[in-house]
């Protein structure tokens, strides 16, 4: 038994339902317990208290929603230990506190209530940059599979923990790993060994991947070097993958991945869940 739980944030939305379903599949794979968490904060989403129907108890409604999600989790993964908690407070603070005890933090790509706008503003940046465990973002359309390769965005030392996590996941799932390095757009071949900077970056990248491959010799490794915008490259390569793994920050092609347009493009267009792994 892996005693580090998988924590999944729920709020009654279709996005959190997709996250819950993914979390239960992963819990079976890892023989890990699951914590179903709802962050209760009222008023939410700018809804004034004056707009609440007479007799409506928002906290009781949150309890009912959480109970239903917990029962569905247990039904989907019999034998997996599932607990639930209704916590008061801002989602970012609660999620970061949970990440110190969790093995994985699983969230929907959008949300309602306590996780509203999670990946659209400051909450996303805070969680991705400061969570103590990997953060998994699952799209709300159920666009994920369990038989494709694991995709890893490779971009120097800042991606080392992400590469290691991706190798570990590929070994756990018994699938190949596709390591992708996005080089700056241009007409030259990839990498351009006549460019000293690209030659040096290529040597470091291949040595980095090689070190991890030595630790996971049974994982089939496929490598892809391509020129283009990293978000678009990863989104394109995510077709058929079951997971895309990236570092919270990077150099070169993946620099500031979760702070700007690259992250937004990937999270909007990825065809599989996205895992963000921060360096220790």
C-alpha atoms as a PDB file:
ATOM      1  CA  UNK A   1       0.000   0.000   0.000  1.00  0.00           C
ATOM      2  CA  UNK A   2       1.226   3.481  -0.903  1.00  0.00           C
ATOM      3  CA  UNK A   3       0.331   5.465   2.222  1.00  0.00           C
ATOM      4  CA  UNK A   4       0.540   8.856   0.497  1.00  0.00           C
ATOM      5  CA  UNK A   5      -3.041   9.605  -0.542  1.00  0.00           C
ATOM      6  CA  UNK A   6      -4.315  10.895  -3.850  1.00  0.00           C
ATOM      7  CA  UNK A   7      -6.266  14.061  -3.054  1.00  0.00           C
ATOM      8  CA  UNK A   8      -8.967  15.058  -5.556  1.00  0.00           C
ATOM      9  CA  UNK A   9     -10.787  18.383  -5.418  1.00  0.00           C
ATOM     10  CA  UNK A  10     -14.511  18.193  -6.174  1.00  0.00           C
ATOM     11  CA  UNK A  11     -17.221  20.825  -6.524  1.00  0.00           C
ATOM     12  CA  UNK A  12     -20.070  19.141  -8.393  1.00  0.00           C
ATOM     13  CA  UNK A  13     -18.941  20.232 -11.847  1.00  0.00           C
ATOM     14  CA  UNK A  14     -18.354  17.914 -14.804  1.00  0.00           C
ATOM     15  CA  UNK A  15     -14.687  18.871 -14.640  1.00  0.00           C
ATOM     16  CA  UNK A  16     -14.300  17.686 -11.071  1.00  0.00           C
ATOM     17  CA  UNK A  17     -16.254  14.543 -11.953  1.00  0.00           C
ATOM     18  CA  UNK A  18     -13.664  13.768 -14.645  1.00  0.00           C
ATOM     19  CA  UNK A  19     -10.894  14.413 -12.113  1.00  0.00           C
ATOM     20  CA  UNK A  20     -12.556  12.056  -9.647  1.00  0.00           C
ATOM     21  CA  UNK A  21     -12.848   9.295 -12.233  1.00  0.00           C
ATOM     22  CA  UNK A  22      -9.170   9.671 -13.211  1.00  0.00           C
ATOM     23  CA  UNK A  23      -8.092   9.705  -9.565  1.00  0.00           C
ATOM     24  CA  UNK A  24      -9.859   6.422  -8.857  1.00  0.00           C
ATOM     25  CA  UNK A  25      -8.194   4.706 -11.842  1.00  0.00           C
ATOM     26  CA  UNK A  26      -4.823   5.978 -10.614  1.00  0.00           C
ATOM     27  CA  UNK A  27      -5.566   4.876  -7.047  1.00  0.00           C
ATOM     28  CA  UNK A  28      -6.103   1.299  -8.206  1.00  0.00           C
ATOM     29  CA  UNK A  29      -2.829   1.402 -10.120  1.00  0.00           C
ATOM     30  CA  UNK A  30      -0.887   2.752  -7.166  1.00  0.00           C
ATOM     31  CA  UNK A  31      -2.846   0.975  -4.401  1.00  0.00           C
ATOM     32  CA  UNK A  32      -3.160   4.386  -2.807  1.00  0.00           C
ATOM     33  CA  UNK A  33      -5.943   5.777  -0.592  1.00  0.00           C
ATOM     34  CA  UNK A  34      -8.050   8.657  -1.889  1.00  0.00           C
ATOM     35  CA  UNK A  35      -9.184  11.821  -0.131  1.00  0.00           C
ATOM     36  CA  UNK A  36     -12.163  13.578  -1.744  1.00  0.00           C
ATOM     37  CA  UNK A  37     -11.932  17.249  -0.774  1.00  0.00           C
ATOM     38  CA  UNK A  38     -14.306  20.181  -1.151  1.00  0.00           C
ATOM     39  CA  UNK A  39     -13.261  23.728  -0.244  1.00  0.00           C
ATOM     40  CA  UNK A  40     -16.314  25.557   1.059  1.00  0.00           C
ATOM     41  CA  UNK A  41     -16.196  29.318   0.672  1.00  0.00           C
ATOM     42  CA  UNK A  42     -19.278  31.515   0.763  1.00  0.00           C
ATOM     43  CA  UNK A  43     -20.299  33.656  -0.972  1.00  0.00           C
ATOM     44  CA  UNK A  44     -18.730  32.115  -4.069  1.00  0.00           C
ATOM     45  CA  UNK A  45     -18.334  33.227  -7.662  1.00  0.00           C
ATOM     46  CA  UNK A  46     -19.633  36.703  -6.769  1.00  0.00           C
ATOM     47  CA  UNK A  47     -23.090  35.401  -5.841  1.00  0.00           C
ATOM     48  CA  UNK A  48     -24.510  37.728  -3.157  1.00  0.00           C
ATOM     49  CA  UNK A  49     -26.224  36.246  -0.147  1.00  0.00           C
ATOM     50  CA  UNK A  50     -29.352  38.203  -1.110  1.00  0.00           C
ATOM     51  CA  UNK A  51     -29.638  36.015  -4.221  1.00  0.00           C
ATOM     52  CA  UNK A  52     -29.929  32.764  -2.264  1.00  0.00           C
ATOM     53  CA  UNK A  53     -33.437  31.240  -2.210  1.00  0.00           C
ATOM     54  CA  UNK A  54     -35.190  31.267   1.147  1.00  0.00           C
ATOM     55  CA  UNK A  55     -34.400  28.150   3.156  1.00  0.00           C
ATOM     56  CA  UNK A  56     -31.398  27.201   1.036  1.00  0.00           C
ATOM     57  CA  UNK A  57     -28.446  25.995   3.129  1.00  0.00           C
ATOM     58  CA  UNK A  58     -25.307  26.211   0.979  1.00  0.00           C
ATOM     59  CA  UNK A  59     -23.182  24.261   3.431  1.00  0.00           C
ATOM     60  CA  UNK A  60     -25.707  21.411   3.539  1.00  0.00           C
ATOM     61  CA  UNK A  61     -25.819  21.427  -0.266  1.00  0.00           C
ATOM     62  CA  UNK A  62     -22.021  21.117  -0.256  1.00  0.00           C
ATOM     63  CA  UNK A  63     -22.250  18.153   2.131  1.00  0.00           C
ATOM     64  CA  UNK A  64     -24.756  16.395  -0.129  1.00  0.00           C
ATOM     65  CA  UNK A  65     -22.583  17.000  -3.189  1.00  0.00           C
ATOM     66  CA  UNK A  66     -19.497  15.698  -1.384  1.00  0.00           C
ATOM     67  CA  UNK A  67     -21.336  12.619  -0.114  1.00  0.00           C
ATOM     68  CA  UNK A  68     -22.480  11.782  -3.654  1.00  0.00           C
ATOM     69  CA  UNK A  69     -18.969  12.193  -5.054  1.00  0.00           C
ATOM     70  CA  UNK A  70     -17.540   9.984  -2.324  1.00  0.00           C
ATOM     71  CA  UNK A  71     -20.063   7.228  -2.977  1.00  0.00           C
ATOM     72  CA  UNK A  72     -19.337   7.341  -6.703  1.00  0.00           C
ATOM     73  CA  UNK A  73     -15.624   7.075  -5.966  1.00  0.00           C
ATOM     74  CA  UNK A  74     -16.146   3.958  -3.865  1.00  0.00           C
ATOM     75  CA  UNK A  75     -18.348   2.415  -6.533  1.00  0.00           C
ATOM     76  CA  UNK A  76     -15.753   3.011  -9.251  1.00  0.00           C
ATOM     77  CA  UNK A  77     -12.887   1.487  -7.293  1.00  0.00           C
ATOM     78  CA  UNK A  78     -14.060  -1.182  -4.843  1.00  0.00           C
ATOM     79  CA  UNK A  79     -11.346  -1.981  -2.345  1.00  0.00           C
ATOM     80  CA  UNK A  80      -9.712   1.464  -2.510  1.00  0.00           C
ATOM     81  CA  UNK A  81      -9.808   3.340   0.787  1.00  0.00           C
ATOM     82  CA  UNK A  82     -11.836   6.533   0.243  1.00  0.00           C
ATOM     83  CA  UNK A  83     -12.387   9.305   2.772  1.00  0.00           C
ATOM     84  CA  UNK A  84     -13.879  12.756   2.305  1.00  0.00           C
ATOM     85  CA  UNK A  85     -13.529  16.154   3.938  1.00  0.00           C
ATOM     86  CA  UNK A  86     -15.453  19.391   3.747  1.00  0.00           C
ATOM     87  CA  UNK A  87     -13.068  22.226   4.628  1.00  0.00           C
ATOM     88  CA  UNK A  88     -13.692  25.933   5.110  1.00  0.00           C
ATOM     89  CA  UNK A  89     -11.427  28.397   3.372  1.00  0.00           C
ATOM     90  CA  UNK A  90      -9.820  29.547   0.137  1.00  0.00           C
ATOM     91  CA  UNK A  91      -9.076  26.711  -2.297  1.00  0.00           C
ATOM     92  CA  UNK A  92      -5.424  27.630  -2.871  1.00  0.00           C
ATOM     93  CA  UNK A  93      -4.562  27.587   0.821  1.00  0.00           C
ATOM     94  CA  UNK A  94      -6.355  24.293   1.422  1.00  0.00           C
ATOM     95  CA  UNK A  95      -4.889  22.607  -1.654  1.00  0.00           C
ATOM     96  CA  UNK A  96      -1.347  23.642  -0.772  1.00  0.00           C
ATOM     97  CA  UNK A  97      -1.795  22.345   2.770  1.00  0.00           C
ATOM     98  CA  UNK A  98      -3.063  19.026   1.404  1.00  0.00           C
ATOM     99  CA  UNK A  99      -0.151  18.785  -1.029  1.00  0.00           C
ATOM    100  CA  UNK A 100       2.291  18.458   1.888  1.00  0.00           C
ATOM    101  CA  UNK A 101       0.705  15.111   2.781  1.00  0.00           C
ATOM    102  CA  UNK A 102      -0.385  13.872  -0.636  1.00  0.00           C
ATOM    103  CA  UNK A 103       1.300  11.818  -3.302  1.00  0.00           C
ATOM    104  CA  UNK A 104      -0.830  13.435  -6.019  1.00  0.00           C
ATOM    105  CA  UNK A 105      -3.223  16.372  -6.148  1.00  0.00           C
ATOM    106  CA  UNK A 106      -5.923  15.912  -8.833  1.00  0.00           C
ATOM    107  CA  UNK A 107      -8.060  18.765 -10.153  1.00  0.00           C
ATOM    108  CA  UNK A 108     -10.491  19.373 -12.969  1.00  0.00           C
ATOM    109  CA  UNK A 109      -9.477  21.806 -15.694  1.00  0.00           C
ATOM    110  CA  UNK A 110     -12.280  24.155 -14.630  1.00  0.00           C
ATOM    111  CA  UNK A 111     -14.682  24.273 -11.745  1.00  0.00           C
ATOM    112  CA  UNK A 112     -17.593  25.718  -9.813  1.00  0.00           C
ATOM    113  CA  UNK A 113     -17.844  26.912  -6.283  1.00  0.00           C
ATOM    114  CA  UNK A 114     -14.779  26.245  -4.172  1.00  0.00           C
ATOM    115  CA  UNK A 115     -12.550  25.553  -7.180  1.00  0.00           C
ATOM    116  CA  UNK A 116     -13.973  28.180  -9.555  1.00  0.00           C
ATOM    117  CA  UNK A 117     -11.546  29.421 -12.163  1.00  0.00           C
ATOM    118  CA  UNK A 118      -8.823  27.272 -10.701  1.00  0.00           C
ATOM    119  CA  UNK A 119      -6.691  27.225 -13.822  1.00  0.00           C
ATOM    120  CA  UNK A 120      -7.487  30.690 -15.061  1.00  0.00           C
ATOM    121  CA  UNK A 121      -5.774  32.957 -12.525  1.00  0.00           C
ATOM    122  CA  UNK A 122      -3.804  33.319  -9.351  1.00  0.00           C
ATOM    123  CA  UNK A 123      -4.976  30.059  -7.768  1.00  0.00           C
ATOM    124  CA  UNK A 124      -3.517  28.038 -10.635  1.00  0.00           C
ATOM    125  CA  UNK A 125      -0.211  29.847 -10.464  1.00  0.00           C
ATOM    126  CA  UNK A 126       0.007  29.429  -6.697  1.00  0.00           C
ATOM    127  CA  UNK A 127      -0.842  25.727  -6.698  1.00  0.00           C
ATOM    128  CA  UNK A 128       1.383  24.843  -9.659  1.00  0.00           C
ATOM    129  CA  UNK A 129       4.372  26.770  -8.355  1.00  0.00           C
ATOM    130  CA  UNK A 130       4.167  25.881  -4.688  1.00  0.00           C
ATOM    131  CA  UNK A 131       2.463  22.491  -4.310  1.00  0.00           C
ATOM    132  CA  UNK A 132       4.652  19.968  -2.506  1.00  0.00           C
ATOM    133  CA  UNK A 133       3.477  17.101  -4.702  1.00  0.00           C
ATOM    134  CA  UNK A 134       2.689  16.659  -8.412  1.00  0.00           C
ATOM    135  CA  UNK A 135      -0.513  18.343  -9.595  1.00  0.00           C
ATOM    136  CA  UNK A 136      -2.706  16.519 -12.137  1.00  0.00           C
ATOM    137  CA  UNK A 137      -5.140  18.518 -14.279  1.00  0.00           C
ATOM    138  CA  UNK A 138      -7.921  16.509 -15.950  1.00  0.00           C
ATOM    139  CA  UNK A 139     -10.085  17.899 -18.732  1.00  0.00           C
ATOM    140  CA  UNK A 140     -13.818  17.821 -18.155  1.00  0.00           C
ATOM    141  CA  UNK A 141     -14.699  16.076 -21.407  1.00  0.00           C
ATOM    142  CA  UNK A 142     -13.327  12.692 -20.335  1.00  0.00           C
ATOM    143  CA  UNK A 143     -10.550  13.010 -22.942  1.00  0.00           C
ATOM    144  CA  UNK A 144      -8.147  10.517 -21.465  1.00  0.00           C
ATOM    145  CA  UNK A 145      -7.160   6.914 -21.974  1.00  0.00           C
ATOM    146  CA  UNK A 146      -5.246   4.210 -20.122  1.00  0.00           C
ATOM    147  CA  UNK A 147      -3.465   2.464 -22.993  1.00  0.00           C
ATOM    148  CA  UNK A 148      -1.318   5.193 -24.575  1.00  0.00           C
ATOM    149  CA  UNK A 149       2.268   6.262 -23.880  1.00  0.00           C
ATOM    150  CA  UNK A 150       3.364   8.760 -21.256  1.00  0.00           C
ATOM    151  CA  UNK A 151       4.501  12.071 -22.768  1.00  0.00           C
ATOM    152  CA  UNK A 152       7.258  14.110 -21.091  1.00  0.00           C
ATOM    153  CA  UNK A 153       8.261  17.681 -21.878  1.00  0.00           C
ATOM    154  CA  UNK A 154      12.064  17.836 -21.689  1.00  0.00           C
ATOM    155  CA  UNK A 155      13.778  21.148 -21.019  1.00  0.00           C
ATOM    156  CA  UNK A 156      16.986  21.010 -19.009  1.00  0.00           C
ATOM    157  CA  UNK A 157      17.611  20.732 -15.248  1.00  0.00           C
ATOM    158  CA  UNK A 158      14.286  22.298 -14.269  1.00  0.00           C
ATOM    159  CA  UNK A 159      12.484  19.345 -15.865  1.00  0.00           C
ATOM    160  CA  UNK A 160      14.512  16.639 -14.131  1.00  0.00           C
ATOM    161  CA  UNK A 161      11.888  15.778 -11.517  1.00  0.00           C
ATOM    162  CA  UNK A 162       9.207  15.725 -14.220  1.00  0.00           C
ATOM    163  CA  UNK A 163      11.258  13.362 -16.385  1.00  0.00           C
ATOM    164  CA  UNK A 164      11.808  11.047 -13.429  1.00  0.00           C
ATOM    165  CA  UNK A 165       8.107  11.094 -12.584  1.00  0.00           C
ATOM    166  CA  UNK A 166       7.249  10.338 -16.208  1.00  0.00           C
ATOM    167  CA  UNK A 167       9.629   7.360 -16.305  1.00  0.00           C
ATOM    168  CA  UNK A 168       8.132   6.066 -13.067  1.00  0.00           C
ATOM    169  CA  UNK A 169       4.594   6.400 -14.441  1.00  0.00           C
ATOM    170  CA  UNK A 170       5.537   4.643 -17.699  1.00  0.00           C
ATOM    171  CA  UNK A 171       7.044   1.788 -15.688  1.00  0.00           C
ATOM    172  CA  UNK A 172       3.940   1.578 -13.500  1.00  0.00           C
ATOM    173  CA  UNK A 173       1.607   1.572 -16.513  1.00  0.00           C
ATOM    174  CA  UNK A 174       3.867  -0.720 -18.590  1.00  0.00           C
ATOM    175  CA  UNK A 175       3.783   1.678 -21.552  1.00  0.00           C
ATOM    176  CA  UNK A 176       6.445   3.541 -23.574  1.00  0.00           C
ATOM    177  CA  UNK A 177       7.702   7.014 -22.694  1.00  0.00           C
ATOM    178  CA  UNK A 178       7.838   9.712 -25.373  1.00  0.00           C
ATOM    179  CA  UNK A 179      10.336  12.438 -24.410  1.00  0.00           C
ATOM    180  CA  UNK A 180       9.790  15.651 -26.380  1.00  0.00           C
ATOM    181  CA  UNK A 181      12.174  18.598 -26.633  1.00  0.00           C
ATOM    182  CA  UNK A 182      10.799  21.716 -28.358  1.00  0.00           C
ATOM    183  CA  UNK A 183      13.526  23.834 -29.935  1.00  0.00           C
ATOM    184  CA  UNK A 184      13.028  27.481 -30.998  1.00  0.00           C
ATOM    185  CA  UNK A 185      11.286  27.825 -34.361  1.00  0.00           C
ATOM    186  CA  UNK A 186      13.610  28.048 -37.361  1.00  0.00           C
ATOM    187  CA  UNK A 187      14.680  26.333 -40.560  1.00  0.00           C
ATOM    188  CA  UNK A 188      17.688  24.486 -39.113  1.00  0.00           C
ATOM    189  CA  UNK A 189      17.640  20.799 -38.298  1.00  0.00           C
ATOM    190  CA  UNK A 190      17.019  19.833 -34.677  1.00  0.00           C
ATOM    191  CA  UNK A 191      19.194  20.235 -32.838  1.00  0.00           C
ATOM    192  CA  UNK A 192      21.463  22.467 -34.905  1.00  0.00           C
ATOM    193  CA  UNK A 193      24.900  21.106 -33.970  1.00  0.00           C
ATOM    194  CA  UNK A 194      26.578  23.979 -35.803  1.00  0.00           C
ATOM    195  CA  UNK A 195      25.145  26.259 -33.124  1.00  0.00           C
ATOM    196  CA  UNK A 196      27.303  25.929 -29.960  1.00  0.00           C
ATOM    197  CA  UNK A 197      24.373  26.751 -27.673  1.00  0.00           C
ATOM    198  CA  UNK A 198      22.092  24.145 -29.217  1.00  0.00           C
ATOM    199  CA  UNK A 199      24.878  21.579 -29.287  1.00  0.00           C
ATOM    200  CA  UNK A 200      25.536  22.116 -25.579  1.00  0.00           C
ATOM    201  CA  UNK A 201      21.807  21.958 -24.785  1.00  0.00           C
ATOM    202  CA  UNK A 202      21.458  18.747 -26.796  1.00  0.00           C
ATOM    203  CA  UNK A 203      24.336  17.081 -24.943  1.00  0.00           C
ATOM    204  CA  UNK A 204      22.868  18.008 -21.560  1.00  0.00           C
ATOM    205  CA  UNK A 205      19.397  16.867 -22.594  1.00  0.00           C
ATOM    206  CA  UNK A 206      20.494  13.469 -23.901  1.00  0.00           C
ATOM    207  CA  UNK A 207      22.700  12.859 -20.856  1.00  0.00           C
ATOM    208  CA  UNK A 208      19.811  13.782 -18.561  1.00  0.00           C
ATOM    209  CA  UNK A 209      17.403  11.411 -20.266  1.00  0.00           C
ATOM    210  CA  UNK A 210      20.076   8.710 -20.374  1.00  0.00           C
ATOM    211  CA  UNK A 211      20.575   8.859 -16.610  1.00  0.00           C
ATOM    212  CA  UNK A 212      16.881   8.261 -16.036  1.00  0.00           C
ATOM    213  CA  UNK A 213      16.734   5.515 -18.620  1.00  0.00           C
ATOM    214  CA  UNK A 214      19.467   3.651 -16.743  1.00  0.00           C
ATOM    215  CA  UNK A 215      17.196   3.659 -13.683  1.00  0.00           C
ATOM    216  CA  UNK A 216      14.258   2.358 -15.721  1.00  0.00           C
ATOM    217  CA  UNK A 217      15.827   0.011 -18.292  1.00  0.00           C
ATOM    218  CA  UNK A 218      12.547  -1.788 -18.992  1.00  0.00           C
ATOM    219  CA  UNK A 219      10.757   1.368 -20.129  1.00  0.00           C
ATOM    220  CA  UNK A 220      10.817   1.790 -23.893  1.00  0.00           C
ATOM    221  CA  UNK A 221      12.031   5.297 -24.631  1.00  0.00           C
ATOM    222  CA  UNK A 222      11.125   7.240 -27.759  1.00  0.00           C
ATOM    223  CA  UNK A 223      12.655  10.692 -28.228  1.00  0.00           C
ATOM    224  CA  UNK A 224      11.401  13.524 -30.406  1.00  0.00           C
ATOM    225  CA  UNK A 225      13.210  16.780 -31.194  1.00  0.00           C
ATOM    226  CA  UNK A 226      11.044  19.313 -33.001  1.00  0.00           C
ATOM    227  CA  UNK A 227      10.980  23.036 -33.620  1.00  0.00           C
ATOM    228  CA  UNK A 228       7.885  24.959 -32.608  1.00  0.00           C
ATOM    229  CA  UNK A 229       5.960  26.567 -29.781  1.00  0.00           C
ATOM    230  CA  UNK A 230       6.195  24.154 -26.819  1.00  0.00           C
ATOM    231  CA  UNK A 231       2.509  24.342 -25.937  1.00  0.00           C
ATOM    232  CA  UNK A 232       1.456  23.528 -29.475  1.00  0.00           C
ATOM    233  CA  UNK A 233       4.098  20.803 -29.794  1.00  0.00           C
ATOM    234  CA  UNK A 234       3.012  19.081 -26.589  1.00  0.00           C
ATOM    235  CA  UNK A 235      -0.685  19.426 -27.408  1.00  0.00           C
ATOM    236  CA  UNK A 236      -0.117  17.836 -30.805  1.00  0.00           C
ATOM    237  CA  UNK A 237       1.943  15.007 -29.369  1.00  0.00           C
ATOM    238  CA  UNK A 238      -0.631  14.393 -26.623  1.00  0.00           C
ATOM    239  CA  UNK A 239      -2.982  12.801 -29.168  1.00  0.00           C
ATOM    240  CA  UNK A 240      -3.067   9.152 -28.178  1.00  0.00           C
ATOM    241  CA  UNK A 241      -1.084   9.704 -24.963  1.00  0.00           C
ATOM    242  CA  UNK A 242      -2.559   8.924 -21.590  1.00  0.00           C
ATOM    243  CA  UNK A 243      -0.594  11.533 -19.673  1.00  0.00           C
ATOM    244  CA  UNK A 244       1.570  14.613 -20.396  1.00  0.00           C
ATOM    245  CA  UNK A 245       4.183  15.401 -17.737  1.00  0.00           C
ATOM    246  CA  UNK A 246       5.902  18.791 -17.473  1.00  0.00           C
ATOM    247  CA  UNK A 247       7.987  20.716 -14.956  1.00  0.00           C
ATOM    248  CA  UNK A 248       6.558  23.730 -13.165  1.00  0.00           C
ATOM    249  CA  UNK A 249       9.227  25.925 -14.702  1.00  0.00           C
ATOM    250  CA  UNK A 250      11.729  25.482 -17.469  1.00  0.00           C
ATOM    251  CA  UNK A 251      14.409  26.936 -19.673  1.00  0.00           C
ATOM    252  CA  UNK A 252      14.247  27.632 -23.363  1.00  0.00           C
ATOM    253  CA  UNK A 253      11.212  26.083 -25.024  1.00  0.00           C
ATOM    254  CA  UNK A 254       9.370  25.373 -21.785  1.00  0.00           C
ATOM    255  CA  UNK A 255      10.324  28.507 -19.844  1.00  0.00           C
ATOM    256  CA  UNK A 256       7.600  29.703 -17.424  1.00  0.00           C
ATOM    257  CA  UNK A 257       5.383  26.914 -18.695  1.00  0.00           C
ATOM    258  CA  UNK A 258       2.620  27.451 -16.161  1.00  0.00           C
ATOM    259  CA  UNK A 259       2.693  31.212 -16.038  1.00  0.00           C
ATOM    260  CA  UNK A 260       1.754  32.316 -19.526  1.00  0.00           C
ATOM    261  CA  UNK A 261       0.361  31.462 -22.928  1.00  0.00           C
ATOM    262  CA  UNK A 262       2.110  28.098 -23.187  1.00  0.00           C
ATOM    263  CA  UNK A 263       0.302  26.655 -20.177  1.00  0.00           C
ATOM    264  CA  UNK A 264      -3.030  28.030 -21.264  1.00  0.00           C
ATOM    265  CA  UNK A 265      -2.625  26.533 -24.743  1.00  0.00           C
ATOM    266  CA  UNK A 266      -1.619  23.145 -23.364  1.00  0.00           C
ATOM    267  CA  UNK A 267      -4.394  22.991 -20.776  1.00  0.00           C
ATOM    268  CA  UNK A 268      -7.003  24.050 -23.314  1.00  0.00           C
ATOM    269  CA  UNK A 269      -5.881  21.765 -26.113  1.00  0.00           C
ATOM    270  CA  UNK A 270      -4.152  18.742 -24.562  1.00  0.00           C
ATOM    271  CA  UNK A 271      -5.833  15.461 -25.430  1.00  0.00           C
ATOM    272  CA  UNK A 272      -4.893  13.882 -22.096  1.00  0.00           C
ATOM    273  CA  UNK A 273      -4.464  14.864 -18.444  1.00  0.00           C
ATOM    274  CA  UNK A 274      -1.502  17.111 -17.671  1.00  0.00           C
ATOM    275  CA  UNK A 275       0.818  16.468 -14.709  1.00  0.00           C
ATOM    276  CA  UNK A 276       2.867  19.351 -13.289  1.00  0.00           C
ATOM    277  CA  UNK A 277       5.917  18.303 -11.258  1.00  0.00           C
ATOM    278  CA  UNK A 278       7.778  20.966  -9.309  1.00  0.00           C
ATOM    279  CA  UNK A 279      11.463  20.578  -8.504  1.00  0.00           C
ATOM    280  CA  UNK A 280      12.078  19.906  -4.811  1.00  0.00           C
END
